[in-house]
Protein backbone atom coordinates (compact mmCIF):
# COMPACT_ATOMS: atom_id res chain seq x y z
CA MET A 1 26.41 100.54 35.73
CA ARG A 2 25.10 104.08 36.30
CA THR A 3 28.64 105.35 36.65
CA LEU A 4 29.67 103.76 33.37
CA THR A 5 26.62 105.22 31.62
CA LEU A 6 27.38 108.65 33.03
CA ILE A 7 31.02 108.44 31.91
CA VAL A 8 29.98 107.44 28.38
CA LEU A 9 27.41 110.24 28.14
CA VAL A 10 29.86 112.87 29.40
CA SER A 11 32.50 111.63 26.95
CA ILE A 12 30.09 111.86 24.02
CA ALA A 13 28.97 115.34 25.05
CA ALA A 14 32.57 116.54 25.40
CA ALA A 15 33.54 115.12 22.00
CA GLY A 16 30.55 116.79 20.34
CA THR A 17 31.45 120.14 21.87
CA ALA A 18 35.08 119.96 20.76
CA HIS A 19 34.14 119.26 17.14
CA GLY A 20 31.34 121.84 17.09
CA GLN A 21 33.62 124.87 17.13
CA VAL A 22 33.14 127.45 14.41
CA PRO A 23 36.07 129.48 13.04
CA THR A 24 35.93 133.21 13.70
CA ALA A 25 36.97 136.20 11.60
CA ALA A 26 40.18 136.31 13.65
CA ASP A 27 40.94 132.70 12.63
CA PHE A 28 40.33 133.57 8.96
CA ASP A 29 42.54 136.67 9.19
CA ALA A 30 45.39 134.83 10.91
CA CYS A 31 45.42 132.00 8.37
CA ASN A 32 45.04 134.36 5.39
CA ASP A 33 48.00 136.37 6.74
CA GLU A 34 50.15 133.26 7.25
CA ALA A 35 49.32 131.31 4.07
CA PRO A 36 51.12 133.49 1.46
CA ALA A 37 54.48 133.29 3.26
CA VAL A 38 54.18 129.54 3.84
CA ALA A 39 53.17 128.98 0.19
CA ARG A 40 56.09 131.10 -1.12
CA ALA A 41 58.55 129.28 1.14
CA GLY A 42 57.38 125.92 -0.18
CA GLY A 43 56.17 124.86 3.25
CA ALA A 44 52.81 123.54 2.02
CA SER A 45 52.07 120.35 0.09
CA PRO A 46 48.94 120.79 -2.05
CA THR A 47 46.60 117.83 -2.47
CA THR A 48 44.70 116.82 -5.58
CA GLY A 49 41.67 118.60 -4.11
CA ASP A 50 43.68 121.81 -3.68
CA HIS A 51 44.70 121.69 -7.35
CA ALA A 52 41.10 121.04 -8.47
CA ARG A 53 39.66 123.86 -6.34
CA ALA A 54 42.40 126.26 -7.52
CA LYS A 55 41.69 125.40 -11.16
CA GLY A 56 37.98 126.03 -10.57
CA ALA A 57 38.71 129.32 -8.79
CA ARG A 58 40.90 130.51 -11.67
CA ALA A 59 38.13 129.60 -14.13
CA GLY A 60 35.52 131.35 -12.00
CA THR A 61 33.73 128.09 -11.21
CA THR A 62 33.82 125.71 -8.29
CA THR A 63 34.74 122.05 -8.28
CA GLY A 64 33.49 121.35 -4.82
CA PRO A 65 32.19 123.17 -1.78
CA GLY A 66 33.00 126.85 -1.76
CA ALA A 67 32.15 129.91 -3.81
CA PHE A 68 35.20 131.71 -5.14
CA THR A 69 33.32 134.72 -6.50
CA VAL A 70 33.35 136.57 -3.17
CA PRO A 71 36.37 138.00 -1.34
CA LEU A 72 36.27 135.18 1.23
CA VAL A 73 35.37 131.59 0.45
CA GLU A 74 32.10 130.31 1.92
CA SER A 75 32.09 126.56 2.43
CA SER A 76 30.76 123.81 4.62
CA ASP A 77 34.40 122.68 4.94
CA PRO A 78 35.82 124.58 7.94
CA GLN A 79 39.37 124.23 6.60
CA ILE A 80 38.65 126.36 3.51
CA ARG A 81 35.89 128.62 4.84
CA GLY A 82 37.06 132.23 5.02
CA MET A 83 39.97 131.72 2.63
CA ASN A 84 40.94 134.76 0.57
CA ALA A 85 39.36 134.32 -2.89
CA GLU A 86 42.58 135.32 -4.68
CA GLY A 87 44.56 132.86 -2.56
CA ALA A 88 42.04 130.16 -3.47
CA LYS A 89 43.48 130.27 -7.00
CA ASP A 90 46.82 128.91 -5.73
CA PRO A 91 46.94 125.26 -4.57
CA ALA A 92 49.95 125.94 -2.30
CA TYR A 93 48.05 128.82 -0.64
CA GLN A 94 45.09 126.48 -0.10
CA ALA A 95 47.33 123.85 1.48
CA ALA A 96 48.94 126.42 3.78
CA TYR A 97 45.55 127.87 4.76
CA ARG A 98 44.10 124.40 5.49
CA SER A 99 47.16 123.53 7.58
CA CYS A 100 46.75 126.72 9.61
CA MET A 101 43.05 126.01 10.18
CA ARG A 102 43.88 122.43 11.28
CA ARG A 103 46.38 123.76 13.83
CA LYS A 104 43.61 125.99 15.17
CA GLY A 105 41.42 122.92 15.65
CA PHE A 106 39.17 123.09 12.59
């Protein structure tokens, strides 16, 4: 029984550590560099949320987490945090950026 308890506790601790990663400036830079080319090539499929956030960014308002008035987006959502504010106005850019951040584990 102790062994099983230990295995469960170690598994929970490992899962919490894996999901607790925070993106770095290098992650933001890499995804902001990649997103324009992917968006232009049509390699990203924007979601309804991407369209709504882009519309809000173009209007100078937000429709969800994230402030588009600064050069990089601040958000509690790790897949849009650090996004270039100009790119945030394009739903395809947002989709490409989110895809890049997902591949990096965020």
